[in-house]
Every structure is written in structure tokens, then in C-alpha cells.
Full PDB file with SEQRES, HELIX, SHEET, SSBOND, CRYST1, ORIGX, SCALE, CONECT and MASTER records, all heavy atoms in Angstrom:
SEQRES   1 A   38  VAL VAL CYS LEU LEU ARG ALA ALA ALA ASP PRO PRO GLY          
SEQRES   2 A   38  GLY PRO ASP ARG ARG ARG LEU LEU ALA SER ALA ALA GLY          
SEQRES   3 A   38  LEU ALA ALA THR VAL SER ALA GLN VAL PHE ILE GLY              
HELIX    1 AA1 VAL A    2  ALA A    9  1                                   8    
HELIX    2 AA2 ARG A   17  VAL A   35  1                                  19    
CRYST1    1.000    1.000    1.000  90.00  90.00  90.00 P 1           1          
ORIGX1      1.000000  0.000000  0.000000        0.00000                         
ORIGX2      0.000000  1.000000  0.000000        0.00000                         
ORIGX3      0.000000  0.000000  1.000000        0.00000                         
SCALE1      1.000000  0.000000  0.000000        0.00000                         
SCALE2      0.000000  1.000000  0.000000        0.00000                         
SCALE3      0.000000  0.000000  1.000000        0.00000                         
ATOM      1  N   VAL A   1       0.784   3.308   4.029  1.00  0.00           N  
ATOM      2  CA  VAL A   1       0.870   4.452   3.111  1.00  0.00           C  
ATOM      3  C   VAL A   1       2.329   4.704   2.731  1.00  0.00           C  
ATOM      4  O   VAL A   1       2.649   4.979   1.571  1.00  0.00           O  
ATOM      5  CB  VAL A   1       0.236   5.708   3.753  1.00  0.00           C  
ATOM      6  CG1 VAL A   1       0.529   6.952   2.913  1.00  0.00           C  
ATOM      7  CG2 VAL A   1      -1.268   5.521   3.910  1.00  0.00           C  
ATOM      8  N   VAL A   2       3.234   4.595   3.711  1.00  0.00           N  
ATOM      9  CA  VAL A   2       4.664   4.755   3.426  1.00  0.00           C  
ATOM     10  C   VAL A   2       5.142   3.658   2.478  1.00  0.00           C  
ATOM     11  O   VAL A   2       5.904   3.920   1.533  1.00  0.00           O  
ATOM     12  CB  VAL A   2       5.477   4.740   4.741  1.00  0.00           C  
ATOM     13  CG1 VAL A   2       6.976   4.693   4.447  1.00  0.00           C  
ATOM     14  CG2 VAL A   2       5.144   5.969   5.581  1.00  0.00           C  
ATOM     15  N   CYS A   3       4.708   2.418   2.699  1.00  0.00           N  
ATOM     16  CA  CYS A   3       5.076   1.319   1.797  1.00  0.00           C  
ATOM     17  C   CYS A   3       4.582   1.585   0.383  1.00  0.00           C  
ATOM     18  O   CYS A   3       5.283   1.311  -0.606  1.00  0.00           O  
ATOM     19  CB  CYS A   3       4.487   0.003   2.311  1.00  0.00           C  
ATOM     20  SG  CYS A   3       5.251  -0.629   3.819  1.00  0.00           S  
ATOM     21  N   LEU A   4       3.371   2.132   0.289  1.00  0.00           N  
ATOM     22  CA  LEU A   4       2.808   2.473  -1.015  1.00  0.00           C  
ATOM     23  C   LEU A   4       3.654   3.539  -1.701  1.00  0.00           C  
ATOM     24  O   LEU A   4       3.951   3.450  -2.909  1.00  0.00           O  
ATOM     25  CB  LEU A   4       1.369   2.959  -0.826  1.00  0.00           C  
ATOM     26  CG  LEU A   4       0.422   2.891  -2.024  1.00  0.00           C  
ATOM     27  CD1 LEU A   4       0.220   1.458  -2.477  1.00  0.00           C  
ATOM     28  CD2 LEU A   4      -0.920   3.509  -1.644  1.00  0.00           C  
ATOM     29  N   LEU A   5       4.077   4.534  -0.934  1.00  0.00           N  
ATOM     30  CA  LEU A   5       4.909   5.604  -1.489  1.00  0.00           C  
ATOM     31  C   LEU A   5       6.271   5.069  -1.928  1.00  0.00           C  
ATOM     32  O   LEU A   5       6.770   5.417  -3.011  1.00  0.00           O  
ATOM     33  CB  LEU A   5       5.081   6.708  -0.452  1.00  0.00           C  
ATOM     34  CG  LEU A   5       5.979   7.884  -0.845  1.00  0.00           C  
ATOM     35  CD1 LEU A   5       5.422   8.596  -2.083  1.00  0.00           C  
ATOM     36  CD2 LEU A   5       6.130   8.862   0.312  1.00  0.00           C  
ATOM     37  N   ARG A   6       6.861   4.211  -1.119  1.00  0.00           N  
ATOM     38  CA  ARG A   6       8.164   3.663  -1.481  1.00  0.00           C  
ATOM     39  C   ARG A   6       8.067   2.768  -2.716  1.00  0.00           C  
ATOM     40  O   ARG A   6       8.959   2.775  -3.567  1.00  0.00           O  
ATOM     41  CB  ARG A   6       8.730   2.877  -0.301  1.00  0.00           C  
ATOM     42  CG  ARG A   6       9.194   3.773   0.838  1.00  0.00           C  
ATOM     43  CD  ARG A   6       9.645   2.952   2.048  1.00  0.00           C  
ATOM     44  NE  ARG A   6      10.181   3.817   3.092  1.00  0.00           N  
ATOM     45  CZ  ARG A   6      10.527   3.398   4.302  1.00  0.00           C  
ATOM     46  NH1 ARG A   6      10.397   2.108   4.623  1.00  0.00           N  
ATOM     47  NH2 ARG A   6      11.009   4.247   5.203  1.00  0.00           N  
ATOM     48  N   ALA A   7       6.997   2.013  -2.817  1.00  0.00           N  
ATOM     49  CA  ALA A   7       6.816   1.166  -3.997  1.00  0.00           C  
ATOM     50  C   ALA A   7       6.644   2.009  -5.253  1.00  0.00           C  
ATOM     51  O   ALA A   7       7.040   1.605  -6.350  1.00  0.00           O  
ATOM     52  CB  ALA A   7       5.609   0.257  -3.808  1.00  0.00           C  
ATOM     53  N   ALA A   8       6.069   3.205  -5.083  1.00  0.00           N  
ATOM     54  CA  ALA A   8       5.845   4.086  -6.232  1.00  0.00           C  
ATOM     55  C   ALA A   8       7.085   4.886  -6.592  1.00  0.00           C  
ATOM     56  O   ALA A   8       7.267   5.258  -7.762  1.00  0.00           O  
ATOM     57  CB  ALA A   8       4.696   5.038  -5.935  1.00  0.00           C  
ATOM     58  N   ALA A   9       7.969   5.136  -5.604  1.00  0.00           N  
ATOM     59  CA  ALA A   9       9.061   6.082  -5.833  1.00  0.00           C  
ATOM     60  C   ALA A   9      10.439   5.454  -5.872  1.00  0.00           C  
ATOM     61  O   ALA A   9      11.304   5.906  -6.613  1.00  0.00           O  
ATOM     62  CB  ALA A   9       9.038   7.158  -4.745  1.00  0.00           C  
ATOM     63  N   ASP A  10      10.682   4.409  -5.098  1.00  0.00           N  
ATOM     64  CA  ASP A  10      12.045   3.924  -4.900  1.00  0.00           C  
ATOM     65  C   ASP A  10      12.647   3.146  -6.062  1.00  0.00           C  
ATOM     66  O   ASP A  10      13.812   3.342  -6.402  1.00  0.00           O  
ATOM     67  CB  ASP A  10      12.107   3.074  -3.627  1.00  0.00           C  
ATOM     68  CG  ASP A  10      12.029   3.950  -2.381  1.00  0.00           C  
ATOM     69  OD1 ASP A  10      12.063   5.179  -2.545  1.00  0.00           O  
ATOM     70  OD2 ASP A  10      11.933   3.401  -1.275  1.00  0.00           O  
ATOM     71  N   PRO A  11      11.897   2.213  -6.675  1.00  0.00           N  
ATOM     72  CA  PRO A  11      12.554   1.369  -7.669  1.00  0.00           C  
ATOM     73  C   PRO A  11      13.111   2.177  -8.839  1.00  0.00           C  
ATOM     74  O   PRO A  11      12.401   3.038  -9.387  1.00  0.00           O  
ATOM     75  CB  PRO A  11      11.429   0.441  -8.138  1.00  0.00           C  
ATOM     76  CG  PRO A  11      10.420   0.470  -7.051  1.00  0.00           C  
ATOM     77  CD  PRO A  11      10.503   1.846  -6.487  1.00  0.00           C  
ATOM     78  N   PRO A  12      14.361   1.922  -9.258  1.00  0.00           N  
ATOM     79  CA  PRO A  12      14.936   2.661 -10.385  1.00  0.00           C  
ATOM     80  C   PRO A  12      14.262   2.327 -11.707  1.00  0.00           C  
ATOM     81  O   PRO A  12      14.264   3.138 -12.628  1.00  0.00           O  
ATOM     82  CB  PRO A  12      16.409   2.210 -10.379  1.00  0.00           C  
ATOM     83  CG  PRO A  12      16.406   0.893  -9.660  1.00  0.00           C  
ATOM     84  CD  PRO A  12      15.318   0.988  -8.652  1.00  0.00           C  
ATOM     85  N   GLY A  13      13.691   1.142 -11.826  1.00  0.00           N  
ATOM     86  CA  GLY A  13      13.053   0.755 -13.074  1.00  0.00           C  
ATOM     87  C   GLY A  13      11.581   1.089 -13.139  1.00  0.00           C  
ATOM     88  O   GLY A  13      10.869   0.569 -13.994  1.00  0.00           O  
ATOM     89  N   GLY A  14      11.100   1.922 -12.255  1.00  0.00           N  
ATOM     90  CA  GLY A  14       9.683   2.270 -12.230  1.00  0.00           C  
ATOM     91  C   GLY A  14       9.001   1.663 -11.018  1.00  0.00           C  
ATOM     92  O   GLY A  14       9.619   0.936 -10.233  1.00  0.00           O  
ATOM     93  N   PRO A  15       7.724   1.928 -10.858  1.00  0.00           N  
ATOM     94  CA  PRO A  15       6.994   1.440  -9.685  1.00  0.00           C  
ATOM     95  C   PRO A  15       7.025  -0.086  -9.576  1.00  0.00           C  
ATOM     96  O   PRO A  15       6.965  -0.795 -10.582  1.00  0.00           O  
ATOM     97  CB  PRO A  15       5.566   1.947  -9.932  1.00  0.00           C  
ATOM     98  CG  PRO A  15       5.718   3.091 -10.878  1.00  0.00           C  
ATOM     99  CD  PRO A  15       6.895   2.758 -11.743  1.00  0.00           C  
ATOM    100  N   ASP A  16       7.161  -0.555  -8.355  1.00  0.00           N  
ATOM    101  CA  ASP A  16       7.125  -1.985  -8.067  1.00  0.00           C  
ATOM    102  C   ASP A  16       5.657  -2.396  -7.938  1.00  0.00           C  
ATOM    103  O   ASP A  16       5.008  -2.160  -6.915  1.00  0.00           O  
ATOM    104  CB  ASP A  16       7.885  -2.268  -6.767  1.00  0.00           C  
ATOM    105  CG  ASP A  16       8.019  -3.746  -6.481  1.00  0.00           C  
ATOM    106  OD1 ASP A  16       7.153  -4.525  -6.921  1.00  0.00           O  
ATOM    107  OD2 ASP A  16       8.997  -4.129  -5.812  1.00  0.00           O  
ATOM    108  N   ARG A  17       5.125  -3.028  -8.984  1.00  0.00           N  
ATOM    109  CA  ARG A  17       3.692  -3.307  -9.034  1.00  0.00           C  
ATOM    110  C   ARG A  17       3.259  -4.296  -7.955  1.00  0.00           C  
ATOM    111  O   ARG A  17       2.179  -4.156  -7.372  1.00  0.00           O  
ATOM    112  CB  ARG A  17       3.317  -3.823 -10.413  1.00  0.00           C  
ATOM    113  CG  ARG A  17       3.470  -2.769 -11.508  1.00  0.00           C  
ATOM    114  CD  ARG A  17       2.978  -3.290 -12.844  1.00  0.00           C  
ATOM    115  NE  ARG A  17       3.107  -2.263 -13.870  1.00  0.00           N  
ATOM    116  CZ  ARG A  17       2.735  -2.443 -15.141  1.00  0.00           C  
ATOM    117  NH1 ARG A  17       2.236  -3.612 -15.526  1.00  0.00           N  
ATOM    118  NH2 ARG A  17       2.883  -1.457 -16.017  1.00  0.00           N  
ATOM    119  N   ARG A  18       4.089  -5.281  -7.702  1.00  0.00           N  
ATOM    120  CA  ARG A  18       3.723  -6.256  -6.683  1.00  0.00           C  
ATOM    121  C   ARG A  18       3.640  -5.600  -5.303  1.00  0.00           C  
ATOM    122  O   ARG A  18       2.714  -5.860  -4.536  1.00  0.00           O  
ATOM    123  CB  ARG A  18       4.726  -7.401  -6.671  1.00  0.00           C  
ATOM    124  CG  ARG A  18       4.676  -8.279  -7.919  1.00  0.00           C  
ATOM    125  CD  ARG A  18       5.632  -9.451  -7.816  1.00  0.00           C  
ATOM    126  NE  ARG A  18       5.276 -10.335  -6.710  1.00  0.00           N  
ATOM    127  CZ  ARG A  18       5.966 -11.423  -6.389  1.00  0.00           C  
ATOM    128  NH1 ARG A  18       7.049 -11.746  -7.081  1.00  0.00           N  
ATOM    129  NH2 ARG A  18       5.591 -12.178  -5.372  1.00  0.00           N  
ATOM    130  N   ARG A  19       4.605  -4.765  -4.973  1.00  0.00           N  
ATOM    131  CA  ARG A  19       4.559  -4.053  -3.694  1.00  0.00           C  
ATOM    132  C   ARG A  19       3.384  -3.087  -3.648  1.00  0.00           C  
ATOM    133  O   ARG A  19       2.744  -2.919  -2.595  1.00  0.00           O  
ATOM    134  CB  ARG A  19       5.865  -3.307  -3.453  1.00  0.00           C  
ATOM    135  CG  ARG A  19       7.051  -4.205  -3.090  1.00  0.00           C  
ATOM    136  CD  ARG A  19       8.334  -3.399  -2.971  1.00  0.00           C  
ATOM    137  NE  ARG A  19       8.253  -2.394  -1.925  1.00  0.00           N  
ATOM    138  CZ  ARG A  19       9.125  -1.395  -1.792  1.00  0.00           C  
ATOM    139  NH1 ARG A  19      10.130  -1.270  -2.660  1.00  0.00           N  
ATOM    140  NH2 ARG A  19       8.994  -0.534  -0.809  1.00  0.00           N  
ATOM    141  N   LEU A  20       3.085  -2.445  -4.781  1.00  0.00           N  
ATOM    142  CA  LEU A  20       1.936  -1.544  -4.833  1.00  0.00           C  
ATOM    143  C   LEU A  20       0.642  -2.297  -4.541  1.00  0.00           C  
ATOM    144  O   LEU A  20      -0.190  -1.850  -3.736  1.00  0.00           O  
ATOM    145  CB  LEU A  20       1.846  -0.876  -6.205  1.00  0.00           C  
ATOM    146  CG  LEU A  20       2.623   0.420  -6.410  1.00  0.00           C  
ATOM    147  CD1 LEU A  20       2.548   0.853  -7.862  1.00  0.00           C  
ATOM    148  CD2 LEU A  20       2.075   1.524  -5.516  1.00  0.00           C  
ATOM    149  N   LEU A  21       0.471  -3.434  -5.198  1.00  0.00           N  
ATOM    150  CA  LEU A  21      -0.748  -4.214  -5.006  1.00  0.00           C  
ATOM    151  C   LEU A  21      -0.855  -4.715  -3.566  1.00  0.00           C  
ATOM    152  O   LEU A  21      -1.918  -4.638  -2.943  1.00  0.00           O  
ATOM    153  CB  LEU A  21      -0.770  -5.392  -5.976  1.00  0.00           C  
ATOM    154  CG  LEU A  21      -1.004  -5.046  -7.457  1.00  0.00           C  
ATOM    155  CD1 LEU A  21      -0.851  -6.293  -8.319  1.00  0.00           C  
ATOM    156  CD2 LEU A  21      -2.389  -4.437  -7.652  1.00  0.00           C  
ATOM    157  N   ALA A  22       0.257  -5.230  -3.027  1.00  0.00           N  
ATOM    158  CA  ALA A  22       0.238  -5.741  -1.652  1.00  0.00           C  
ATOM    159  C   ALA A  22      -0.062  -4.621  -0.656  1.00  0.00           C  
ATOM    160  O   ALA A  22      -0.858  -4.798   0.277  1.00  0.00           O  
ATOM    161  CB  ALA A  22       1.571  -6.405  -1.330  1.00  0.00           C  
ATOM    162  N   SER A  23       0.575  -3.464  -0.848  1.00  0.00           N  
ATOM    163  CA  SER A  23       0.349  -2.338   0.066  1.00  0.00           C  
ATOM    164  C   SER A  23      -1.076  -1.823  -0.039  1.00  0.00           C  
ATOM    165  O   SER A  23      -1.709  -1.500   0.978  1.00  0.00           O  
ATOM    166  CB  SER A  23       1.340  -1.218  -0.240  1.00  0.00           C  
ATOM    167  OG  SER A  23       2.673  -1.646  -0.067  1.00  0.00           O  
ATOM    168  N   ALA A  24      -1.609  -1.738  -1.254  1.00  0.00           N  
ATOM    169  CA  ALA A  24      -2.985  -1.267  -1.435  1.00  0.00           C  
ATOM    170  C   ALA A  24      -3.980  -2.225  -0.795  1.00  0.00           C  
ATOM    171  O   ALA A  24      -4.940  -1.798  -0.130  1.00  0.00           O  
ATOM    172  CB  ALA A  24      -3.286  -1.099  -2.920  1.00  0.00           C  
ATOM    173  N   ALA A  25      -3.764  -3.531  -0.976  1.00  0.00           N  
ATOM    174  CA  ALA A  25      -4.671  -4.510  -0.376  1.00  0.00           C  
ATOM    175  C   ALA A  25      -4.598  -4.454   1.146  1.00  0.00           C  
ATOM    176  O   ALA A  25      -5.621  -4.504   1.843  1.00  0.00           O  
ATOM    177  CB  ALA A  25      -4.322  -5.912  -0.881  1.00  0.00           C  
ATOM    178  N   GLY A  26      -3.378  -4.351   1.691  1.00  0.00           N  
ATOM    179  CA  GLY A  26      -3.226  -4.248   3.143  1.00  0.00           C  
ATOM    180  C   GLY A  26      -3.870  -2.989   3.688  1.00  0.00           C  
ATOM    181  O   GLY A  26      -4.516  -3.016   4.750  1.00  0.00           O  
ATOM    182  N   LEU A  27      -3.701  -1.884   2.969  1.00  0.00           N  
ATOM    183  CA  LEU A  27      -4.299  -0.617   3.409  1.00  0.00           C  
ATOM    184  C   LEU A  27      -5.815  -0.719   3.401  1.00  0.00           C  
ATOM    185  O   LEU A  27      -6.481  -0.256   4.346  1.00  0.00           O  
ATOM    186  CB  LEU A  27      -3.825   0.510   2.494  1.00  0.00           C  
ATOM    187  CG  LEU A  27      -4.310   1.916   2.830  1.00  0.00           C  
ATOM    188  CD1 LEU A  27      -3.855   2.327   4.229  1.00  0.00           C  
ATOM    189  CD2 LEU A  27      -3.800   2.919   1.799  1.00  0.00           C  
ATOM    190  N   ALA A  28      -6.382  -1.328   2.369  1.00  0.00           N  
ATOM    191  CA  ALA A  28      -7.838  -1.474   2.294  1.00  0.00           C  
ATOM    192  C   ALA A  28      -8.356  -2.313   3.462  1.00  0.00           C  
ATOM    193  O   ALA A  28      -9.373  -1.978   4.085  1.00  0.00           O  
ATOM    194  CB  ALA A  28      -8.230  -2.108   0.967  1.00  0.00           C  
ATOM    195  N   ALA A  29      -7.654  -3.405   3.765  1.00  0.00           N  
ATOM    196  CA  ALA A  29      -8.089  -4.270   4.864  1.00  0.00           C  
ATOM    197  C   ALA A  29      -8.010  -3.552   6.209  1.00  0.00           C  
ATOM    198  O   ALA A  29      -8.923  -3.650   7.041  1.00  0.00           O  
ATOM    199  CB  ALA A  29      -7.236  -5.538   4.885  1.00  0.00           C  
ATOM    200  N   THR A  30      -6.920  -2.809   6.426  1.00  0.00           N  
ATOM    201  CA  THR A  30      -6.737  -2.124   7.709  1.00  0.00           C  
ATOM    202  C   THR A  30      -7.743  -0.993   7.883  1.00  0.00           C  
ATOM    203  O   THR A  30      -8.314  -0.813   8.967  1.00  0.00           O  
ATOM    204  CB  THR A  30      -5.301  -1.578   7.807  1.00  0.00           C  
ATOM    205  OG1 THR A  30      -4.372  -2.603   7.491  1.00  0.00           O  
ATOM    206  CG2 THR A  30      -5.016  -1.069   9.203  1.00  0.00           C  
ATOM    207  N   VAL A  31      -7.979  -0.234   6.820  1.00  0.00           N  
ATOM    208  CA  VAL A  31      -8.978   0.843   6.878  1.00  0.00           C  
ATOM    209  C   VAL A  31     -10.361   0.263   7.139  1.00  0.00           C  
ATOM    210  O   VAL A  31     -11.142   0.810   7.938  1.00  0.00           O  
ATOM    211  CB  VAL A  31      -8.953   1.657   5.566  1.00  0.00           C  
ATOM    212  CG1 VAL A  31     -10.192   2.530   5.450  1.00  0.00           C  
ATOM    213  CG2 VAL A  31      -7.704   2.520   5.502  1.00  0.00           C  
ATOM    214  N   SER A  32     -10.687  -0.845   6.496  1.00  0.00           N  
ATOM    215  CA  SER A  32     -11.996  -1.465   6.702  1.00  0.00           C  
ATOM    216  C   SER A  32     -12.169  -1.888   8.157  1.00  0.00           C  
ATOM    217  O   SER A  32     -13.239  -1.696   8.748  1.00  0.00           O  
ATOM    218  CB  SER A  32     -12.149  -2.676   5.779  1.00  0.00           C  
ATOM    219  OG  SER A  32     -12.082  -2.286   4.419  1.00  0.00           O  
ATOM    220  N   ALA A  33     -11.119  -2.463   8.739  1.00  0.00           N  
ATOM    221  CA  ALA A  33     -11.191  -2.858  10.145  1.00  0.00           C  
ATOM    222  C   ALA A  33     -11.393  -1.643  11.048  1.00  0.00           C  
ATOM    223  O   ALA A  33     -12.192  -1.681  11.993  1.00  0.00           O  
ATOM    224  CB  ALA A  33      -9.925  -3.616  10.543  1.00  0.00           C  
ATOM    225  N   GLN A  34     -10.681  -0.551  10.752  1.00  0.00           N  
ATOM    226  CA  GLN A  34     -10.787   0.644  11.591  1.00  0.00           C  
ATOM    227  C   GLN A  34     -12.186   1.251  11.541  1.00  0.00           C  
ATOM    228  O   GLN A  34     -12.654   1.818  12.532  1.00  0.00           O  
ATOM    229  CB  GLN A  34      -9.749   1.682  11.152  1.00  0.00           C  
ATOM    230  CG  GLN A  34      -9.713   2.933  12.007  1.00  0.00           C  
ATOM    231  CD  GLN A  34      -9.344   2.671  13.459  1.00  0.00           C  
ATOM    232  OE1 GLN A  34      -8.413   1.935  13.749  1.00  0.00           O  
ATOM    233  NE2 GLN A  34     -10.088   3.265  14.385  1.00  0.00           N  
ATOM    234  N   VAL A  35     -12.875   1.134  10.407  1.00  0.00           N  
ATOM    235  CA  VAL A  35     -14.242   1.646  10.312  1.00  0.00           C  
ATOM    236  C   VAL A  35     -15.135   0.985  11.355  1.00  0.00           C  
ATOM    237  O   VAL A  35     -15.997   1.635  11.953  1.00  0.00           O  
ATOM    238  CB  VAL A  35     -14.801   1.429   8.886  1.00  0.00           C  
ATOM    239  CG1 VAL A  35     -16.316   1.621   8.858  1.00  0.00           C  
ATOM    240  CG2 VAL A  35     -14.140   2.389   7.910  1.00  0.00           C  
ATOM    241  N   PHE A  36     -14.926  -0.314  11.590  1.00  0.00           N  
ATOM    242  CA  PHE A  36     -15.755  -1.037  12.552  1.00  0.00           C  
ATOM    243  C   PHE A  36     -15.226  -0.907  13.976  1.00  0.00           C  
ATOM    244  O   PHE A  36     -15.763  -1.539  14.893  1.00  0.00           O  
ATOM    245  CB  PHE A  36     -15.852  -2.504  12.150  1.00  0.00           C  
ATOM    246  CG  PHE A  36     -16.612  -2.713  10.873  1.00  0.00           C  
ATOM    247  CD1 PHE A  36     -15.947  -2.966   9.687  1.00  0.00           C  
ATOM    248  CD2 PHE A  36     -17.993  -2.608  10.848  1.00  0.00           C  
ATOM    249  CE1 PHE A  36     -16.642  -3.138   8.501  1.00  0.00           C  
ATOM    250  CE2 PHE A  36     -18.702  -2.780   9.671  1.00  0.00           C  
ATOM    251  CZ  PHE A  36     -18.019  -3.048   8.487  1.00  0.00           C  
ATOM    252  N   ILE A  37     -14.161  -0.126  14.160  1.00  0.00           N  
ATOM    253  CA  ILE A  37     -13.666   0.187  15.503  1.00  0.00           C  
ATOM    254  C   ILE A  37     -14.015   1.624  15.865  1.00  0.00           C  
ATOM    255  O   ILE A  37     -14.625   1.884  16.901  1.00  0.00           O  
ATOM    256  CB  ILE A  37     -12.137  -0.016  15.590  1.00  0.00           C  
ATOM    257  CG1 ILE A  37     -11.784  -1.484  15.379  1.00  0.00           C  
ATOM    258  CG2 ILE A  37     -11.607   0.453  16.942  1.00  0.00           C  
ATOM    259  CD1 ILE A  37     -10.291  -1.749  15.315  1.00  0.00           C  
ATOM    260  N   GLY A  38     -13.621   2.559  15.008  1.00  0.00           N  
ATOM    261  CA  GLY A  38     -13.893   3.965  15.271  1.00  0.00           C  
ATOM    262  C   GLY A  38     -13.663   4.801  14.026  1.00  0.00           C  
ATOM    263  O   GLY A  38     -12.512   5.012  13.626  1.00  0.00           O  
TER     264      GLY A  38                                                      
MASTER        0    0    0    2    0    0    0    6  263    1    0    3          
END                                                                             
């Protein structure tokens, strides 16, 4: 989530789309795994 926020806020030229996509995909995978844990 922090990586997603930094990708959205930090770059001076606007959001870093590649970092946004990578962070979103990683977040989706991790959340999906946690559902099957608890």
C-alpha cells in the first residue's frame, strides 16, 4: 500500500504507472493469499 502511495505521489512528472501496476498486482496476490489463511 505504501509502494502504491509513493508511485502515485512521489514522481515529479506524475504517477509512475509501472510502479502502480506492479504494486497493485502484488497487493492483489498478497490479499488473495491472506484470504486463504485468515
